Amino acid sequence: MSQTAAARPTAAPPAASATIPAQSRRPSGDQALSPAELAAKYGLKVSGARPSLGEYVRQLWARRHFITAFATAKLTAQYSQAKLGQIWQLMTPLLNAAVYYFIFGILMGNKSSTPDYIPWLVTGVFIWTFTANSIMAGTRAITGNIGLVRALHFPRASLPVSLALQQLQQLLFSLAALAIIIMSFGQLPGVSWLLLVPALLLQSMFNTGLSLVMARVTAKTPDIAQVMPFVLRTWMYMSGVMWNLTPQLKKLPHLVGDLLQLNPAAVYIDLVRFSMIGSFRASQLPPHVWLVAGGWAFAALAVGFVYFWKAEEQYGRG
């Protein structure tokens, strides 16, 4: 061998790691699984994940005692800072009725065109207040209890449902005063008063559905709550709370009149007036009034409940 050949360096063998197949460097076991696959393997679930609709209903029913207790506590605390306390539950709608009587009854002359105008007016104010307060309570259901929503895990629908129940409790408390006012004008209790039960039950279902809708809407956009008093005031004027809509409907196009007769707030007010006031005849009710009242009640509750449930995972976040 020549000296030149002996001095030439020989090539180094390839590194051992380069000869290992690429497959042997891939992770094995749990390391090879994605987070979703790992969760499925070990039965893990997202914290606060939305349950199925049936399961959600069962969870809500299991907390029925909390719902009733929360509603009662809210009702008790509502006027705890006022010296007259719970008397304001009666005074507020009665003062509103007095103002409406002066403006619409005396100044605008509606009392002469409507038989038993004072019982008619007071009934409308009490029943309208039930719907309006349920809607406004719904706007505060999530935003007004955000600490509770973020601290505890429970079906969030418990909050708007309990606040709607609070308004029903307040209405039932006020019905005693309403009955006294109506009887003082010669309207004695009769069999028709039993119709109050299905009428108020249907209205409660309708109000609860709207409360659920408003709870979700204002949880995302709280500013909506500032607009609602103006919307409710307009709705009140269209619902025949202070004046008789029947003469006005004859002046409107037929389609507009039919739509106003389907107004759910007006329908529930008319049903209670028909139940308690003898001069309010069946001929003054819209056609198929019980079917309309039931349709609004079941549709509002079903749509409102599903709409609220769809966003169950979003409440209290962000």
Protein backbone atom coordinates (compact mmCIF):
# COMPACT_ATOMS: atom_id res chain seq x y z
CA MET A 1 0.00 0.00 0.00
CA SER A 2 1.38 3.38 -0.94
CA GLN A 3 1.99 6.13 1.57
CA THR A 4 -0.64 8.31 -0.08
CA ALA A 5 -3.29 5.64 0.22
CA ALA A 6 -2.42 4.97 3.83
CA ALA A 7 -2.77 8.67 4.75
CA ARG A 8 -6.26 9.00 3.14
CA PRO A 9 -8.95 9.08 5.89
CA THR A 10 -11.64 6.48 5.75
CA ALA A 11 -15.37 7.50 5.76
CA ALA A 12 -17.09 7.34 9.17
CA PRO A 13 -20.01 4.92 9.49
CA PRO A 14 -23.47 6.50 9.47
CA ALA A 15 -24.95 7.47 12.80
CA ALA A 16 -26.99 4.81 14.47
CA SER A 17 -30.04 7.03 14.82
CA ALA A 18 -30.18 7.53 11.07
CA THR A 19 -30.71 3.85 10.50
CA ILE A 20 -33.79 3.64 12.82
CA PRO A 21 -37.06 3.58 10.86
CA ALA A 22 -39.20 6.74 11.13
CA GLN A 23 -42.15 4.71 12.48
CA SER A 24 -40.20 3.80 15.63
CA ARG A 25 -39.94 7.51 16.62
CA ARG A 26 -43.77 8.03 16.70
CA PRO A 27 -45.39 8.23 20.16
CA SER A 28 -47.17 5.16 21.34
CA GLY A 29 -50.10 4.50 23.68
CA ASP A 30 -51.97 7.54 25.06
CA GLN A 31 -49.38 9.88 23.57
CA ALA A 32 -50.60 8.95 20.10
CA LEU A 33 -54.22 9.98 20.86
CA SER A 34 -55.75 13.37 20.30
CA PRO A 35 -57.39 15.18 23.25
CA ALA A 36 -60.84 14.22 21.95
CA GLU A 37 -59.78 10.56 21.65
CA LEU A 38 -58.30 10.60 25.15
CA ALA A 39 -61.53 12.06 26.55
CA ALA A 40 -63.59 9.38 24.80
CA LYS A 41 -61.24 6.61 26.00
CA TYR A 42 -61.48 7.57 29.67
CA GLY A 43 -65.10 8.80 29.64
CA LEU A 44 -64.22 12.45 30.26
CA LYS A 45 -66.75 15.20 29.52
CA VAL A 46 -66.50 18.95 29.10
CA SER A 47 -67.23 20.75 32.37
CA GLY A 48 -70.61 22.51 32.08
CA ALA A 49 -71.45 20.82 28.80
CA ARG A 50 -75.07 21.13 27.69
CA PRO A 51 -77.03 17.96 28.49
CA SER A 52 -79.63 16.50 26.20
CA LEU A 53 -83.05 18.14 26.23
CA GLY A 54 -84.64 15.25 28.12
CA GLU A 55 -81.85 15.20 30.70
CA TYR A 56 -82.11 18.96 31.06
CA VAL A 57 -85.82 18.68 31.86
CA ARG A 58 -85.06 16.02 34.48
CA GLN A 59 -82.38 18.20 36.07
CA LEU A 60 -84.78 21.13 36.18
CA TRP A 61 -87.50 19.02 37.80
CA ALA A 62 -85.01 17.76 40.39
CA ARG A 63 -84.43 21.38 41.42
CA ARG A 64 -88.12 22.28 41.70
CA HIS A 65 -87.74 22.92 45.45
CA PHE A 66 -84.92 25.38 44.78
CA ILE A 67 -87.06 27.12 42.14
CA THR A 68 -90.00 27.63 44.47
CA ALA A 69 -87.79 28.66 47.40
CA PHE A 70 -85.84 31.11 45.24
CA ALA A 71 -89.09 32.65 43.92
CA THR A 72 -90.52 33.04 47.44
CA ALA A 73 -87.28 34.56 48.73
CA LYS A 74 -87.18 37.06 45.89
CA LEU A 75 -90.81 38.02 46.49
CA THR A 76 -90.21 38.52 50.20
CA ALA A 77 -87.08 40.59 49.67
CA GLN A 78 -88.53 42.70 46.85
CA TYR A 79 -89.96 45.39 49.13
CA SER A 80 -87.97 44.63 52.28
CA GLN A 81 -86.42 48.12 52.27
CA ALA A 82 -89.80 49.90 52.02
CA LYS A 83 -91.71 50.81 55.17
CA LEU A 84 -94.99 49.49 53.74
CA GLY A 85 -93.30 46.25 52.68
CA GLN A 86 -95.46 43.80 50.73
CA ILE A 87 -98.35 46.29 50.55
CA TRP A 88 -96.59 47.78 47.53
CA GLN A 89 -97.44 44.61 45.64
CA LEU A 90 -101.02 45.91 45.69
CA MET A 91 -100.35 49.62 45.68
CA THR A 92 -98.26 49.70 42.50
CA PRO A 93 -100.91 48.33 40.08
CA LEU A 94 -103.68 50.21 41.93
CA LEU A 95 -101.84 53.52 41.59
CA ASN A 96 -101.28 52.79 37.90
CA ALA A 97 -104.98 52.04 37.53
CA ALA A 98 -105.85 55.34 39.25
CA VAL A 99 -103.62 57.28 36.85
CA TYR A 100 -105.07 55.48 33.81
CA TYR A 101 -108.61 56.08 35.09
CA PHE A 102 -107.99 59.81 35.35
CA ILE A 103 -106.36 60.09 31.92
CA PHE A 104 -108.23 57.55 29.83
CA GLY A 105 -111.46 57.29 31.79
CA ILE A 106 -112.20 60.91 32.69
CA LEU A 107 -110.14 63.10 30.35
CA MET A 108 -110.63 60.90 27.27
CA GLY A 109 -114.17 59.83 28.18
CA ASN A 110 -113.73 56.06 27.95
CA LYS A 111 -115.63 55.38 31.18
CA SER A 112 -118.94 56.30 29.53
CA SER A 113 -118.40 53.96 26.58
CA THR A 114 -117.39 50.87 28.59
CA PRO A 115 -119.75 49.24 31.14
CA ASP A 116 -118.22 48.69 34.59
CA TYR A 117 -115.21 50.69 33.50
CA ILE A 118 -113.38 50.67 36.86
CA PRO A 119 -113.48 46.85 37.32
CA TRP A 120 -112.73 46.51 33.61
CA LEU A 121 -109.71 48.84 33.90
CA VAL A 122 -108.32 47.42 37.15
CA THR A 123 -108.54 43.88 35.79
CA GLY A 124 -106.65 44.88 32.67
CA VAL A 125 -103.92 46.63 34.66
CA PHE A 126 -103.39 43.67 37.03
CA ILE A 127 -103.22 41.09 34.25
CA TRP A 128 -101.00 43.23 32.03
CA THR A 129 -98.65 43.91 34.94
CA PHE A 130 -98.23 40.16 35.38
CA THR A 131 -96.96 39.77 31.81
CA ALA A 132 -94.84 42.94 31.79
CA ASN A 133 -93.12 42.15 35.10
CA SER A 134 -92.41 38.55 34.00
CA ILE A 135 -90.66 39.81 30.89
CA MET A 136 -88.62 42.40 32.78
CA ALA A 137 -87.68 39.79 35.40
CA GLY A 138 -86.44 37.58 32.57
CA THR A 139 -84.08 40.32 31.37
CA ARG A 140 -82.36 40.19 34.78
CA ALA A 141 -82.43 36.43 35.27
CA ILE A 142 -78.82 35.78 34.20
CA THR A 143 -77.20 39.21 34.39
CA GLY A 144 -78.64 39.89 37.83
CA ASN A 145 -77.45 36.54 39.24
CA ILE A 146 -74.12 36.24 37.46
CA GLY A 147 -72.26 35.37 40.67
CA LEU A 148 -74.57 32.44 41.31
CA VAL A 149 -74.28 31.30 37.70
CA ARG A 150 -70.47 31.29 37.81
CA ALA A 151 -70.17 29.73 41.26
CA LEU A 152 -72.54 26.76 41.03
CA HIS A 153 -73.45 24.15 38.45
CA PHE A 154 -77.21 23.85 37.94
CA PRO A 155 -79.64 24.16 35.01
CA ARG A 156 -79.67 27.87 34.25
CA ALA A 157 -83.34 27.76 33.27
CA SER A 158 -84.06 27.55 37.00
CA LEU A 159 -83.49 31.31 37.24
CA PRO A 160 -85.98 32.67 34.65
CA VAL A 161 -88.52 30.00 35.62
CA SER A 162 -88.29 30.94 39.29
CA LEU A 163 -88.61 34.66 38.51
CA ALA A 164 -91.70 33.99 36.39
CA LEU A 165 -93.08 31.98 39.31
CA GLN A 166 -92.36 34.94 41.59
CA GLN A 167 -94.57 37.14 39.40
CA LEU A 168 -97.35 34.54 39.52
CA GLN A 169 -97.13 34.48 43.32
CA GLN A 170 -97.37 38.25 43.36
CA LEU A 171 -100.42 38.17 41.07
CA LEU A 172 -102.16 35.58 43.26
CA PHE A 173 -101.51 37.79 46.26
CA SER A 174 -103.04 40.73 44.40
CA LEU A 175 -106.10 38.83 43.18
CA ALA A 176 -107.70 39.18 46.61
CA ALA A 177 -107.67 42.96 46.24
CA LEU A 178 -108.89 42.66 42.66
CA ALA A 179 -111.80 40.48 43.77
CA ILE A 180 -112.76 42.99 46.48
CA ILE A 181 -112.71 45.86 43.99
CA ILE A 182 -114.84 43.95 41.49
CA MET A 183 -117.36 42.85 44.15
CA SER A 184 -117.64 46.42 45.45
CA PHE A 185 -119.11 47.32 42.04
CA GLY A 186 -121.75 44.61 42.24
CA GLN A 187 -119.91 41.79 40.47
CA LEU A 188 -120.54 38.83 42.75
CA PRO A 189 -118.53 35.60 42.40
CA GLY A 190 -120.06 33.05 40.07
CA VAL A 191 -119.27 29.84 38.25
CA SER A 192 -117.46 31.83 35.57
CA TRP A 193 -114.80 32.78 38.13
CA LEU A 194 -113.54 29.20 37.89
CA LEU A 195 -112.29 30.09 34.42
CA LEU A 196 -109.57 32.10 36.14
CA VAL A 197 -107.64 28.89 36.79
CA PRO A 198 -107.07 27.83 33.14
CA ALA A 199 -106.74 31.45 31.99
CA LEU A 200 -103.97 32.27 34.47
CA LEU A 201 -102.30 28.89 33.92
CA LEU A 202 -102.05 29.55 30.18
CA GLN A 203 -100.84 33.09 30.76
CA SER A 204 -98.18 31.79 33.19
CA MET A 205 -96.91 29.38 30.55
CA PHE A 206 -96.76 32.19 27.99
CA ASN A 207 -94.96 34.52 30.41
CA THR A 208 -92.43 31.84 31.35
CA GLY A 209 -91.60 31.25 27.69
CA LEU A 210 -91.00 34.97 27.13
CA SER A 211 -88.93 35.16 30.30
CA LEU A 212 -86.67 32.37 29.02
CA VAL A 213 -86.23 34.12 25.67
CA MET A 214 -85.36 37.45 27.30
CA ALA A 215 -82.96 35.76 29.71
CA ARG A 216 -80.87 34.41 26.85
CA VAL A 217 -81.07 37.59 24.75
CA THR A 218 -79.99 39.90 27.57
CA ALA A 219 -77.28 37.48 28.75
CA LYS A 220 -75.59 38.13 25.41
CA THR A 221 -76.70 41.75 24.92
CA PRO A 222 -77.54 43.40 28.26
CA ASP A 223 -78.48 46.70 26.57
CA ILE A 224 -81.72 45.09 25.37
CA ALA A 225 -83.06 45.47 28.92
CA GLN A 226 -82.92 49.26 28.52
CA VAL A 227 -85.14 49.12 25.43
CA MET A 228 -87.77 46.76 26.83
CA PRO A 229 -89.76 49.37 28.83
CA PHE A 230 -90.49 51.24 25.60
CA VAL A 231 -91.45 48.03 23.80
CA LEU A 232 -93.73 47.00 26.66
CA ARG A 233 -95.38 50.42 26.79
CA THR A 234 -96.22 50.21 23.10
CA TRP A 235 -97.52 46.67 23.54
CA MET A 236 -99.70 47.79 26.44
CA TYR A 237 -101.37 50.48 24.34
CA MET A 238 -102.10 47.87 21.66
CA SER A 239 -103.62 45.42 24.16
CA GLY A 240 -106.72 47.29 25.28
CA VAL A 241 -105.64 47.75 28.88
CA MET A 242 -107.11 51.26 29.24
CA TRP A 243 -109.64 51.43 26.42
CA ASN A 244 -112.00 49.16 24.56
CA LEU A 245 -110.41 47.98 21.33
CA THR A 246 -113.63 46.67 19.76
CA PRO A 247 -114.81 50.03 18.29
CA GLN A 248 -111.30 50.77 17.08
CA LEU A 249 -110.99 47.45 15.26
CA LYS A 250 -113.94 48.34 13.05
CA LYS A 251 -112.05 51.35 11.72
CA LEU A 252 -108.98 49.33 10.74
CA PRO A 253 -108.38 47.08 7.72
CA HIS A 254 -109.75 43.59 8.27
CA LEU A 255 -106.30 41.95 8.37
CA VAL A 256 -104.96 44.44 10.93
CA GLY A 257 -108.02 43.93 13.10
CA ASP A 258 -107.59 40.15 13.01
CA LEU A 259 -103.94 40.44 13.99
CA LEU A 260 -104.77 42.71 16.92
CA GLN A 261 -107.35 40.20 18.11
CA LEU A 262 -104.63 37.54 18.16
CA ASN A 263 -102.47 39.72 20.43
CA PRO A 264 -101.67 37.31 23.31
CA ALA A 265 -101.68 40.00 26.00
CA ALA A 266 -105.14 41.17 24.91
CA VAL A 267 -106.38 37.57 24.74
CA TYR A 268 -105.41 36.80 28.35
CA ILE A 269 -106.80 40.12 29.59
CA ASP A 270 -110.12 39.46 27.84
CA LEU A 271 -110.36 35.95 29.30
CA VAL A 272 -109.95 37.23 32.85
CA ARG A 273 -112.44 40.04 32.22
CA PHE A 274 -114.91 37.52 30.86
CA SER A 275 -114.39 35.34 33.93
CA MET A 276 -114.88 38.06 36.54
CA ILE A 277 -117.04 40.82 35.02
CA GLY A 278 -120.64 39.96 34.21
CA SER A 279 -121.10 42.79 31.69
CA PHE A 280 -118.17 41.51 29.61
CA ARG A 281 -119.94 39.12 27.25
CA ALA A 282 -118.68 36.20 25.21
CA SER A 283 -119.49 38.18 22.06
CA GLN A 284 -116.66 40.56 22.98
CA LEU A 285 -114.08 37.77 22.94
CA PRO A 286 -112.01 37.02 19.82
CA PRO A 287 -113.05 33.95 17.79
CA HIS A 288 -111.66 30.66 19.11
CA VAL A 289 -110.22 32.54 22.10
CA TRP A 290 -109.32 29.47 24.17
CA LEU A 291 -107.59 27.86 21.20
CA VAL A 292 -105.62 31.05 20.60
CA ALA A 293 -104.71 31.34 24.29
CA GLY A 294 -103.57 27.72 24.43
CA GLY A 295 -101.61 28.01 21.20
CA TRP A 296 -99.70 31.07 22.42
CA ALA A 297 -99.02 29.42 25.79
CA PHE A 298 -97.63 26.12 24.49
CA ALA A 299 -95.75 27.71 21.58
CA ALA A 300 -94.08 30.35 23.76
CA LEU A 301 -93.09 27.87 26.46
CA ALA A 302 -91.73 25.27 24.02
CA VAL A 303 -89.83 27.73 21.84
CA GLY A 304 -88.54 29.71 24.80
CA PHE A 305 -87.34 26.62 26.66
CA VAL A 306 -85.50 25.14 23.67
CA TYR A 307 -84.05 28.53 22.73
CA PHE A 308 -82.69 29.02 26.25
CA TRP A 309 -81.39 25.43 26.48
CA LYS A 310 -79.41 25.84 23.24
CA ALA A 311 -77.14 28.38 24.91
CA GLU A 312 -76.78 26.57 28.25
CA GLU A 313 -72.96 26.36 27.92
CA GLN A 314 -72.58 30.11 27.29
CA TYR A 315 -74.18 31.58 30.40
CA GLY A 316 -71.71 33.17 32.80
CA ARG A 317 -68.78 32.98 30.39
CA GLY A 318 -66.96 35.74 28.62
